[in-house]
Amino acid sequence: MKIFSWLRFGPFFLVLHVLWIFSGVGPQTAFGAPVEGKGKYAGMVLIPAGPFTMGRNGGPPDEKPAHKVHLPAYYIDKNLVTWVQYAEFIRKKGPTGPKGEMYLDVEDQDNRILFDKDSWAVEKGFEKFPAGELAWHGAIAYCKWKGKRLPSEAEWEKAARGTDARLYPWGNQKPAKDLAFFGSYRNDVAPVGRYPKGASPYGVLDMAGQVWEWTRSLYRPYPYKPKDGRESFKVHDGRVARGGNTSSDNAGLTSTSRVPVYPERLDGGHRYFGFRCASKTELLL
């Protein structure tokens, strides 16, 4: 009787399950439970090796064409870097680098790391908020200091959308207030990790809204080719930021949205710009 019931109804429920997986919110189950790192990878999640679809054909010109990119396995921070984490770096390295590059814009009114009693400290109440006034050079230096690196835009996009070409980290459903922090024009942000329903397929949080995220990649047209010079640090040109910020519209919150930030702005602190790090070397899994 059980076998008969499965033969009669099983295929129907299987089709429903497949449709649910690819319909919108909730497809994390299609990727399995997130794999969180341990030891030196603590606070990070594993992004498995393999291909994914980068870009989309229905978006702006710089997101076209949709194309397959193969990446080795790597880890990426589950959360955005917070003010308290970045303050530890500033206490060790100071607000400027050895060549005068800016790590922290101490004169910016939205900066939350203040010099107090011979040391740098986070303004009370902002400890768990994403650091969001940061220059690209500061993001690069922080990740290096932590034994990591800034992710490429390809690594960022795969961590955000997985392998099913979804539009947003959580699926294809339009942004909602329980999925991401957006729709504010007052430089507001929320504490990191407050929107678990908006997690990416791999369990990465806050990849839409909050702050634009720096990547290491130069702003170049698609298709993405990692060996064509776009990952070079020797070129002083525009870099790509991802993920949208609190004032972005639905299009800006997509996992494919790209924003170029040009050299004259790379050297300063920027409202709504933060970051997360990736593992220093790709994993051979």
C-alpha atoms as a PDB file:
ATOM      1  CA  MET A   1       0.000   0.000   0.000  1.00  0.00           C
ATOM      2  CA  LYS A   2       2.836   2.423   0.872  1.00  0.00           C
ATOM      3  CA  ILE A   3       4.553   1.691  -2.437  1.00  0.00           C
ATOM      4  CA  PHE A   4       1.281   2.241  -4.284  1.00  0.00           C
ATOM      5  CA  SER A   5       0.737   5.565  -2.484  1.00  0.00           C
ATOM      6  CA  TRP A   6       4.211   6.800  -3.422  1.00  0.00           C
ATOM      7  CA  LEU A   7       3.780   5.784  -7.058  1.00  0.00           C
ATOM      8  CA  ARG A   8       0.468   7.596  -7.141  1.00  0.00           C
ATOM      9  CA  PHE A   9       1.286  10.784  -5.212  1.00  0.00           C
ATOM     10  CA  GLY A  10       5.076  10.892  -4.863  1.00  0.00           C
ATOM     11  CA  PRO A  11       5.864  12.501  -8.246  1.00  0.00           C
ATOM     12  CA  PHE A  12       3.273  15.218  -7.538  1.00  0.00           C
ATOM     13  CA  PHE A  13       4.904  16.202  -4.247  1.00  0.00           C
ATOM     14  CA  LEU A  14       8.362  15.996  -5.832  1.00  0.00           C
ATOM     15  CA  VAL A  15       7.314  18.500  -8.509  1.00  0.00           C
ATOM     16  CA  LEU A  16       5.884  20.812  -5.837  1.00  0.00           C
ATOM     17  CA  HIS A  17       9.152  20.630  -3.901  1.00  0.00           C
ATOM     18  CA  VAL A  18      11.239  21.477  -6.956  1.00  0.00           C
ATOM     19  CA  LEU A  19       8.968  24.413  -7.803  1.00  0.00           C
ATOM     20  CA  TRP A  20       9.273  25.682  -4.216  1.00  0.00           C
ATOM     21  CA  ILE A  21      13.050  25.497  -4.322  1.00  0.00           C
ATOM     22  CA  PHE A  22      13.270  27.716  -7.377  1.00  0.00           C
ATOM     23  CA  SER A  23      10.343  30.019  -6.652  1.00  0.00           C
ATOM     24  CA  GLY A  24      11.780  32.549  -4.226  1.00  0.00           C
ATOM     25  CA  VAL A  25      12.347  32.638  -0.477  1.00  0.00           C
ATOM     26  CA  GLY A  26      13.618  29.530   1.216  1.00  0.00           C
ATOM     27  CA  PRO A  27      15.833  27.837  -1.381  1.00  0.00           C
ATOM     28  CA  GLN A  28      18.710  27.463   1.075  1.00  0.00           C
ATOM     29  CA  THR A  29      17.640  23.839   1.470  1.00  0.00           C
ATOM     30  CA  ALA A  30      18.680  23.216  -2.126  1.00  0.00           C
ATOM     31  CA  PHE A  31      22.262  24.006  -1.107  1.00  0.00           C
ATOM     32  CA  GLY A  32      22.305  22.128   2.182  1.00  0.00           C
ATOM     33  CA  ALA A  33      23.096  23.564   5.589  1.00  0.00           C
ATOM     34  CA  PRO A  34      25.721  26.361   5.627  1.00  0.00           C
ATOM     35  CA  VAL A  35      29.233  25.127   6.416  1.00  0.00           C
ATOM     36  CA  GLU A  36      30.757  27.445   9.016  1.00  0.00           C
ATOM     37  CA  GLY A  37      34.524  27.646   9.383  1.00  0.00           C
ATOM     38  CA  LYS A  38      36.547  26.650  12.419  1.00  0.00           C
ATOM     39  CA  GLY A  39      39.948  27.664  13.729  1.00  0.00           C
ATOM     40  CA  LYS A  40      41.466  30.315  11.491  1.00  0.00           C
ATOM     41  CA  TYR A  41      38.253  30.285   9.441  1.00  0.00           C
ATOM     42  CA  ALA A  42      36.010  30.998  12.432  1.00  0.00           C
ATOM     43  CA  GLY A  43      33.318  33.547  11.611  1.00  0.00           C
ATOM     44  CA  MET A  44      33.430  32.579   7.935  1.00  0.00           C
ATOM     45  CA  VAL A  45      31.377  30.241   5.754  1.00  0.00           C
ATOM     46  CA  LEU A  46      32.530  27.904   3.012  1.00  0.00           C
ATOM     47  CA  ILE A  47      31.717  28.641  -0.614  1.00  0.00           C
ATOM     48  CA  PRO A  48      32.235  25.341  -2.487  1.00  0.00           C
ATOM     49  CA  ALA A  49      34.230  25.031  -5.692  1.00  0.00           C
ATOM     50  CA  GLY A  50      32.354  24.977  -8.964  1.00  0.00           C
ATOM     51  CA  PRO A  51      30.605  27.113 -11.584  1.00  0.00           C
ATOM     52  CA  PHE A  52      27.896  29.706 -11.073  1.00  0.00           C
ATOM     53  CA  THR A  53      26.032  32.172 -13.268  1.00  0.00           C
ATOM     54  CA  MET A  54      27.512  35.669 -13.066  1.00  0.00           C
ATOM     55  CA  GLY A  55      25.546  38.678 -14.276  1.00  0.00           C
ATOM     56  CA  ARG A  56      22.074  38.709 -15.837  1.00  0.00           C
ATOM     57  CA  ASN A  57      20.672  39.450 -19.253  1.00  0.00           C
ATOM     58  CA  GLY A  58      17.680  41.391 -17.960  1.00  0.00           C
ATOM     59  CA  GLY A  59      19.668  43.997 -16.059  1.00  0.00           C
ATOM     60  CA  PRO A  60      21.705  47.125 -16.878  1.00  0.00           C
ATOM     61  CA  PRO A  61      24.341  46.924 -19.641  1.00  0.00           C
ATOM     62  CA  ASP A  62      27.243  46.395 -17.214  1.00  0.00           C
ATOM     63  CA  GLU A  63      25.570  43.234 -15.840  1.00  0.00           C
ATOM     64  CA  LYS A  64      25.383  41.606 -19.308  1.00  0.00           C
ATOM     65  CA  PRO A  65      25.818  38.976 -20.508  1.00  0.00           C
ATOM     66  CA  ALA A  66      24.939  36.292 -17.993  1.00  0.00           C
ATOM     67  CA  HIS A  67      27.817  33.825 -18.162  1.00  0.00           C
ATOM     68  CA  LYS A  68      29.339  30.891 -16.319  1.00  0.00           C
ATOM     69  CA  VAL A  69      32.346  31.458 -14.055  1.00  0.00           C
ATOM     70  CA  HIS A  70      34.190  28.654 -12.277  1.00  0.00           C
ATOM     71  CA  LEU A  71      35.751  29.408  -8.896  1.00  0.00           C
ATOM     72  CA  PRO A  72      37.847  27.317  -6.508  1.00  0.00           C
ATOM     73  CA  ALA A  73      36.501  26.867  -2.978  1.00  0.00           C
ATOM     74  CA  TYR A  74      37.034  29.692  -0.492  1.00  0.00           C
ATOM     75  CA  TYR A  75      35.720  31.032   2.785  1.00  0.00           C
ATOM     76  CA  ILE A  76      34.055  34.421   3.197  1.00  0.00           C
ATOM     77  CA  ASP A  77      33.056  36.349   6.308  1.00  0.00           C
ATOM     78  CA  LYS A  78      29.522  35.560   7.420  1.00  0.00           C
ATOM     79  CA  ASN A  79      29.024  39.140   8.589  1.00  0.00           C
ATOM     80  CA  LEU A  80      30.170  42.586   7.561  1.00  0.00           C
ATOM     81  CA  VAL A  81      33.174  43.966   9.440  1.00  0.00           C
ATOM     82  CA  THR A  82      31.891  45.953  12.431  1.00  0.00           C
ATOM     83  CA  TRP A  83      33.121  49.177  13.976  1.00  0.00           C
ATOM     84  CA  VAL A  84      34.526  47.332  16.988  1.00  0.00           C
ATOM     85  CA  GLN A  85      36.494  44.965  14.731  1.00  0.00           C
ATOM     86  CA  TYR A  86      37.840  47.807  12.635  1.00  0.00           C
ATOM     87  CA  ALA A  87      38.772  49.789  15.757  1.00  0.00           C
ATOM     88  CA  GLU A  88      41.117  46.984  16.796  1.00  0.00           C
ATOM     89  CA  PHE A  89      42.900  47.387  13.474  1.00  0.00           C
ATOM     90  CA  ILE A  90      43.090  51.191  13.845  1.00  0.00           C
ATOM     91  CA  ARG A  91      44.582  50.843  17.331  1.00  0.00           C
ATOM     92  CA  LYS A  92      47.344  48.707  15.833  1.00  0.00           C
ATOM     93  CA  LYS A  93      47.941  50.522  12.545  1.00  0.00           C
ATOM     94  CA  GLY A  94      46.589  54.045  12.984  1.00  0.00           C
ATOM     95  CA  PRO A  95      44.209  55.946  10.670  1.00  0.00           C
ATOM     96  CA  THR A  96      46.694  56.228   7.771  1.00  0.00           C
ATOM     97  CA  GLY A  97      48.941  53.750   6.001  1.00  0.00           C
ATOM     98  CA  PRO A  98      52.738  53.867   5.446  1.00  0.00           C
ATOM     99  CA  LYS A  99      52.317  55.707   2.129  1.00  0.00           C
ATOM    100  CA  GLY A 100      49.747  58.132   3.488  1.00  0.00           C
ATOM    101  CA  GLU A 101      46.754  56.141   2.250  1.00  0.00           C
ATOM    102  CA  MET A 102      43.617  56.688   4.304  1.00  0.00           C
ATOM    103  CA  TYR A 103      42.374  53.901   6.560  1.00  0.00           C
ATOM    104  CA  LEU A 104      39.903  56.037   8.505  1.00  0.00           C
ATOM    105  CA  ASP A 105      38.469  59.476   7.796  1.00  0.00           C
ATOM    106  CA  VAL A 106      38.740  60.861  11.316  1.00  0.00           C
ATOM    107  CA  GLU A 107      37.101  64.152  10.318  1.00  0.00           C
ATOM    108  CA  ASP A 108      33.971  62.571   8.872  1.00  0.00           C
ATOM    109  CA  GLN A 109      30.940  63.248  11.058  1.00  0.00           C
ATOM    110  CA  ASP A 110      29.660  59.712  10.496  1.00  0.00           C
ATOM    111  CA  ASN A 111      32.886  58.059  11.622  1.00  0.00           C
ATOM    112  CA  ARG A 112      32.293  56.027  14.795  1.00  0.00           C
ATOM    113  CA  ILE A 113      35.898  55.427  15.886  1.00  0.00           C
ATOM    114  CA  LEU A 114      37.069  58.280  18.055  1.00  0.00           C
ATOM    115  CA  PHE A 115      40.370  59.062  19.751  1.00  0.00           C
ATOM    116  CA  ASP A 116      39.719  59.009  23.487  1.00  0.00           C
ATOM    117  CA  LYS A 117      42.240  58.971  26.341  1.00  0.00           C
ATOM    118  CA  ASP A 118      45.300  57.983  24.320  1.00  0.00           C
ATOM    119  CA  SER A 119      43.509  55.285  22.312  1.00  0.00           C
ATOM    120  CA  TRP A 120      40.937  54.685  19.598  1.00  0.00           C
ATOM    121  CA  ALA A 121      37.507  53.580  20.770  1.00  0.00           C
ATOM    122  CA  VAL A 122      34.099  52.977  19.191  1.00  0.00           C
ATOM    123  CA  GLU A 123      31.363  55.463  19.939  1.00  0.00           C
ATOM    124  CA  LYS A 124      29.058  53.857  22.483  1.00  0.00           C
ATOM    125  CA  GLY A 125      26.105  52.051  20.954  1.00  0.00           C
ATOM    126  CA  PHE A 126      27.719  51.426  17.550  1.00  0.00           C
ATOM    127  CA  GLU A 127      29.890  48.416  18.416  1.00  0.00           C
ATOM    128  CA  LYS A 128      27.861  45.883  16.419  1.00  0.00           C
ATOM    129  CA  PHE A 129      27.034  48.128  13.477  1.00  0.00           C
ATOM    130  CA  PRO A 130      28.826  47.673  10.128  1.00  0.00           C
ATOM    131  CA  ALA A 131      31.836  49.928   9.693  1.00  0.00           C
ATOM    132  CA  GLY A 132      30.586  52.131   6.888  1.00  0.00           C
ATOM    133  CA  GLU A 133      32.850  55.120   6.299  1.00  0.00           C
ATOM    134  CA  LEU A 134      35.809  53.233   4.942  1.00  0.00           C
ATOM    135  CA  ALA A 135      38.210  53.794   2.089  1.00  0.00           C
ATOM    136  CA  TRP A 136      39.158  50.956  -0.257  1.00  0.00           C
ATOM    137  CA  HIS A 137      42.768  51.058   0.977  1.00  0.00           C
ATOM    138  CA  GLY A 138      41.559  50.550   4.536  1.00  0.00           C
ATOM    139  CA  ALA A 139      39.534  47.488   3.525  1.00  0.00           C
ATOM    140  CA  ILE A 140      42.541  45.999   1.704  1.00  0.00           C
ATOM    141  CA  ALA A 141      44.852  46.654   4.672  1.00  0.00           C
ATOM    142  CA  TYR A 142      42.415  45.313   7.270  1.00  0.00           C
ATOM    143  CA  CYS A 143      41.885  42.014   5.454  1.00  0.00           C
ATOM    144  CA  LYS A 144      45.644  41.599   4.997  1.00  0.00           C
ATOM    145  CA  TRP A 145      46.182  42.329   8.699  1.00  0.00           C
ATOM    146  CA  LYS A 146      43.680  39.573   9.544  1.00  0.00           C
ATOM    147  CA  GLY A 147      45.494  37.080   7.308  1.00  0.00           C
ATOM    148  CA  LYS A 148      42.733  37.300   4.709  1.00  0.00           C
ATOM    149  CA  ARG A 149      42.036  39.331   1.567  1.00  0.00           C
ATOM    150  CA  LEU A 150      39.290  41.392  -0.005  1.00  0.00           C
ATOM    151  CA  PRO A 151      37.085  39.175  -2.232  1.00  0.00           C
ATOM    152  CA  SER A 152      36.866  39.607  -5.981  1.00  0.00           C
ATOM    153  CA  GLU A 153      33.495  40.684  -7.341  1.00  0.00           C
ATOM    154  CA  ALA A 154      33.018  37.149  -8.707  1.00  0.00           C
ATOM    155  CA  GLU A 155      33.599  35.646  -5.268  1.00  0.00           C
ATOM    156  CA  TRP A 156      31.230  38.177  -3.739  1.00  0.00           C
ATOM    157  CA  GLU A 157      28.480  37.420  -6.270  1.00  0.00           C
ATOM    158  CA  LYS A 158      28.689  33.647  -5.895  1.00  0.00           C
ATOM    159  CA  ALA A 159      28.544  33.973  -2.101  1.00  0.00           C
ATOM    160  CA  ALA A 160      25.438  36.162  -2.519  1.00  0.00           C
ATOM    161  CA  ARG A 161      23.406  34.206  -5.082  1.00  0.00           C
ATOM    162  CA  GLY A 162      24.715  30.631  -5.142  1.00  0.00           C
ATOM    163  CA  THR A 163      24.387  28.555  -8.280  1.00  0.00           C
ATOM    164  CA  ASP A 164      20.714  28.935  -9.190  1.00  0.00           C
ATOM    165  CA  ALA A 165      21.025  32.462 -10.682  1.00  0.00           C
ATOM    166  CA  ARG A 166      18.632  33.974  -8.146  1.00  0.00           C
ATOM    167  CA  LEU A 167      18.128  37.724  -8.195  1.00  0.00           C
ATOM    168  CA  TYR A 168      18.614  38.416  -4.473  1.00  0.00           C
ATOM    169  CA  PRO A 169      20.488  36.548  -1.722  1.00  0.00           C
ATOM    170  CA  TRP A 170      17.237  35.079  -0.359  1.00  0.00           C
ATOM    171  CA  GLY A 171      15.713  34.164  -3.730  1.00  0.00           C
ATOM    172  CA  ASN A 172      13.598  35.969  -6.312  1.00  0.00           C
ATOM    173  CA  GLN A 173      11.090  37.604  -3.988  1.00  0.00           C
ATOM    174  CA  LYS A 174      11.249  41.398  -3.971  1.00  0.00           C
ATOM    175  CA  PRO A 175      12.997  43.000  -0.980  1.00  0.00           C
ATOM    176  CA  ALA A 176      10.936  43.175   2.209  1.00  0.00           C
ATOM    177  CA  LYS A 177      11.596  44.653   5.624  1.00  0.00           C
ATOM    178  CA  ASP A 178      12.239  41.244   7.224  1.00  0.00           C
ATOM    179  CA  LEU A 179      14.871  40.338   4.599  1.00  0.00           C
ATOM    180  CA  ALA A 180      17.215  43.337   4.482  1.00  0.00           C
ATOM    181  CA  PHE A 181      17.802  46.842   5.814  1.00  0.00           C
ATOM    182  CA  PHE A 182      16.940  49.346   3.084  1.00  0.00           C
ATOM    183  CA  GLY A 183      14.631  52.240   2.290  1.00  0.00           C
ATOM    184  CA  SER A 184      16.380  54.778   4.529  1.00  0.00           C
ATOM    185  CA  TYR A 185      17.906  58.051   3.338  1.00  0.00           C
ATOM    186  CA  ARG A 186      19.387  59.183   6.670  1.00  0.00           C
ATOM    187  CA  ASN A 187      22.620  57.185   6.683  1.00  0.00           C
ATOM    188  CA  ASP A 188      20.952  54.654   8.992  1.00  0.00           C
ATOM    189  CA  VAL A 189      22.251  51.117   9.273  1.00  0.00           C
ATOM    190  CA  ALA A 190      21.304  48.172  11.469  1.00  0.00           C
ATOM    191  CA  PRO A 191      23.461  45.899  13.629  1.00  0.00           C
ATOM    192  CA  VAL A 192      25.004  43.099  11.567  1.00  0.00           C
ATOM    193  CA  GLY A 193      23.181  39.779  11.396  1.00  0.00           C
ATOM    194  CA  ARG A 194      19.740  41.160  12.222  1.00  0.00           C
ATOM    195  CA  TYR A 195      18.123  39.714   9.070  1.00  0.00           C
ATOM    196  CA  PRO A 196      18.670  35.917   9.041  1.00  0.00           C
ATOM    197  CA  LYS A 197      15.718  35.425   6.667  1.00  0.00           C
ATOM    198  CA  GLY A 198      17.695  37.358   4.069  1.00  0.00           C
ATOM    199  CA  ALA A 199      20.728  35.076   4.225  1.00  0.00           C
ATOM    200  CA  SER A 200      22.357  33.873   1.015  1.00  0.00           C
ATOM    201  CA  PRO A 201      22.231  30.164   0.040  1.00  0.00           C
ATOM    202  CA  TYR A 202      25.492  29.659   1.942  1.00  0.00           C
ATOM    203  CA  GLY A 203      24.357  31.504   5.062  1.00  0.00           C
ATOM    204  CA  VAL A 204      26.133  34.823   4.408  1.00  0.00           C
ATOM    205  CA  LEU A 205      24.273  37.755   5.963  1.00  0.00           C
ATOM    206  CA  ASP A 206      23.564  41.363   4.947  1.00  0.00           C
ATOM    207  CA  MET A 207      24.531  40.978   1.298  1.00  0.00           C
ATOM    208  CA  ALA A 208      21.737  43.327   0.219  1.00  0.00           C
ATOM    209  CA  GLY A 209      21.268  46.768   1.750  1.00  0.00           C
ATOM    210  CA  GLN A 210      23.141  48.119   4.771  1.00  0.00           C
ATOM    211  CA  VAL A 211      26.366  49.313   3.083  1.00  0.00           C
ATOM    212  CA  TRP A 212      27.936  48.935  -0.338  1.00  0.00           C
ATOM    213  CA  GLU A 213      30.732  46.369  -0.082  1.00  0.00           C
ATOM    214  CA  TRP A 214      34.190  46.923  -1.486  1.00  0.00           C
ATOM    215  CA  THR A 215      35.681  44.239  -3.726  1.00  0.00           C
ATOM    216  CA  ARG A 216      39.229  44.012  -5.002  1.00  0.00           C
ATOM    217  CA  SER A 217      38.172  43.975  -8.668  1.00  0.00           C
ATOM    218  CA  LEU A 218      38.660  46.715 -11.223  1.00  0.00           C
ATOM    219  CA  TYR A 219      35.489  47.863 -12.952  1.00  0.00           C
ATOM    220  CA  ARG A 220      35.654  46.130 -16.330  1.00  0.00           C
ATOM    221  CA  PRO A 221      33.009  44.866 -18.815  1.00  0.00           C
ATOM    222  CA  TYR A 222      31.804  41.277 -18.817  1.00  0.00           C
ATOM    223  CA  PRO A 223      32.446  38.466 -19.337  1.00  0.00           C
ATOM    224  CA  TYR A 224      34.475  38.199 -16.148  1.00  0.00           C
ATOM    225  CA  LYS A 225      37.998  36.915 -16.767  1.00  0.00           C
ATOM    226  CA  PRO A 226      40.172  36.876 -13.627  1.00  0.00           C
ATOM    227  CA  LYS A 227      43.435  36.783 -15.569  1.00  0.00           C
ATOM    228  CA  ASP A 228      42.744  39.750 -17.864  1.00  0.00           C
ATOM    229  CA  GLY A 229      44.203  42.264 -15.395  1.00  0.00           C
ATOM    230  CA  ARG A 230      41.015  43.202 -13.558  1.00  0.00           C
ATOM    231  CA  GLU A 231      42.371  41.774 -10.283  1.00  0.00           C
ATOM    232  CA  SER A 232      45.632  43.734 -10.481  1.00  0.00           C
ATOM    233  CA  PHE A 233      46.606  46.107  -7.671  1.00  0.00           C
ATOM    234  CA  LYS A 234      49.087  47.875  -9.951  1.00  0.00           C
ATOM    235  CA  VAL A 235      46.379  49.717 -11.887  1.00  0.00           C
ATOM    236  CA  HIS A 236      44.970  52.887 -10.330  1.00  0.00           C
ATOM    237  CA  ASP A 237      41.444  52.809 -11.686  1.00  0.00           C
ATOM    238  CA  GLY A 238      37.840  52.311 -10.612  1.00  0.00           C
ATOM    239  CA  ARG A 239      37.002  49.403  -8.308  1.00  0.00           C
ATOM    240  CA  VAL A 240      33.682  47.572  -7.969  1.00  0.00           C
ATOM    241  CA  ALA A 241      31.349  47.854  -4.981  1.00  0.00           C
ATOM    242  CA  ARG A 242      28.489  45.394  -4.488  1.00  0.00           C
ATOM    243  CA  GLY A 243      25.283  44.778  -2.564  1.00  0.00           C
ATOM    244  CA  GLY A 244      23.543  48.145  -2.482  1.00  0.00           C
ATOM    245  CA  ASN A 245      23.045  50.279   0.611  1.00  0.00           C
ATOM    246  CA  THR A 246      20.249  51.589   2.786  1.00  0.00           C
ATOM    247  CA  SER A 247      19.047  54.035   0.128  1.00  0.00           C
ATOM    248  CA  SER A 248      19.172  51.615  -2.835  1.00  0.00           C
ATOM    249  CA  ASP A 249      16.092  50.675  -4.832  1.00  0.00           C
ATOM    250  CA  ASN A 250      15.196  47.080  -5.709  1.00  0.00           C
ATOM    251  CA  ALA A 251      17.529  47.049  -8.726  1.00  0.00           C
ATOM    252  CA  GLY A 252      20.448  48.245  -6.601  1.00  0.00           C
ATOM    253  CA  LEU A 253      19.848  45.480  -4.062  1.00  0.00           C
ATOM    254  CA  THR A 254      20.209  42.642  -6.568  1.00  0.00           C
ATOM    255  CA  SER A 255      23.169  40.295  -6.284  1.00  0.00           C
ATOM    256  CA  THR A 256      24.266  41.309  -9.781  1.00  0.00           C
ATOM    257  CA  SER A 257      24.287  45.088  -9.240  1.00  0.00           C
ATOM    258  CA  ARG A 258      27.695  46.735  -9.768  1.00  0.00           C
ATOM    259  CA  VAL A 259      28.867  50.225  -8.844  1.00  0.00           C
ATOM    260  CA  PRO A 260      32.198  51.660 -10.063  1.00  0.00           C
ATOM    261  CA  VAL A 261      34.131  53.792  -7.586  1.00  0.00           C
ATOM    262  CA  TYR A 262      36.830  55.794  -9.334  1.00  0.00           C
ATOM    263  CA  PRO A 263      40.369  56.691  -8.152  1.00  0.00           C
ATOM    264  CA  GLU A 264      39.574  60.150  -6.856  1.00  0.00           C
ATOM    265  CA  ARG A 265      37.174  58.502  -4.397  1.00  0.00           C
ATOM    266  CA  LEU A 266      39.216  55.417  -3.476  1.00  0.00           C
ATOM    267  CA  ASP A 267      41.432  57.450  -1.174  1.00  0.00           C
ATOM    268  CA  GLY A 268      38.702  58.800   1.078  1.00  0.00           C
ATOM    269  CA  GLY A 269      36.079  57.533   3.471  1.00  0.00           C
ATOM    270  CA  HIS A 270      32.649  57.035   1.944  1.00  0.00           C
ATOM    271  CA  ARG A 271      29.185  57.014   3.391  1.00  0.00           C
ATOM    272  CA  TYR A 272      27.560  53.606   3.090  1.00  0.00           C
ATOM    273  CA  PHE A 273      30.794  51.771   2.101  1.00  0.00           C
ATOM    274  CA  GLY A 274      31.911  48.766   4.149  1.00  0.00           C
ATOM    275  CA  PHE A 275      33.299  45.313   3.442  1.00  0.00           C
ATOM    276  CA  ARG A 276      33.891  41.703   4.435  1.00  0.00           C
ATOM    277  CA  CYS A 277      36.957  39.519   3.861  1.00  0.00           C
ATOM    278  CA  ALA A 278      37.627  36.208   2.115  1.00  0.00           C
ATOM    279  CA  SER A 279      40.151  33.502   2.957  1.00  0.00           C
ATOM    280  CA  LYS A 280      43.698  34.403   1.933  1.00  0.00           C
ATOM    281  CA  THR A 281      44.184  31.448  -0.403  1.00  0.00           C
ATOM    282  CA  GLU A 282      41.665  29.379  -2.318  1.00  0.00           C
ATOM    283  CA  LEU A 283      41.041  25.967  -0.829  1.00  0.00           C
ATOM    284  CA  LEU A 284      41.948  22.869  -2.756  1.00  0.00           C
ATOM    285  CA  LEU A 285      38.871  20.780  -1.952  1.00  0.00           C
END
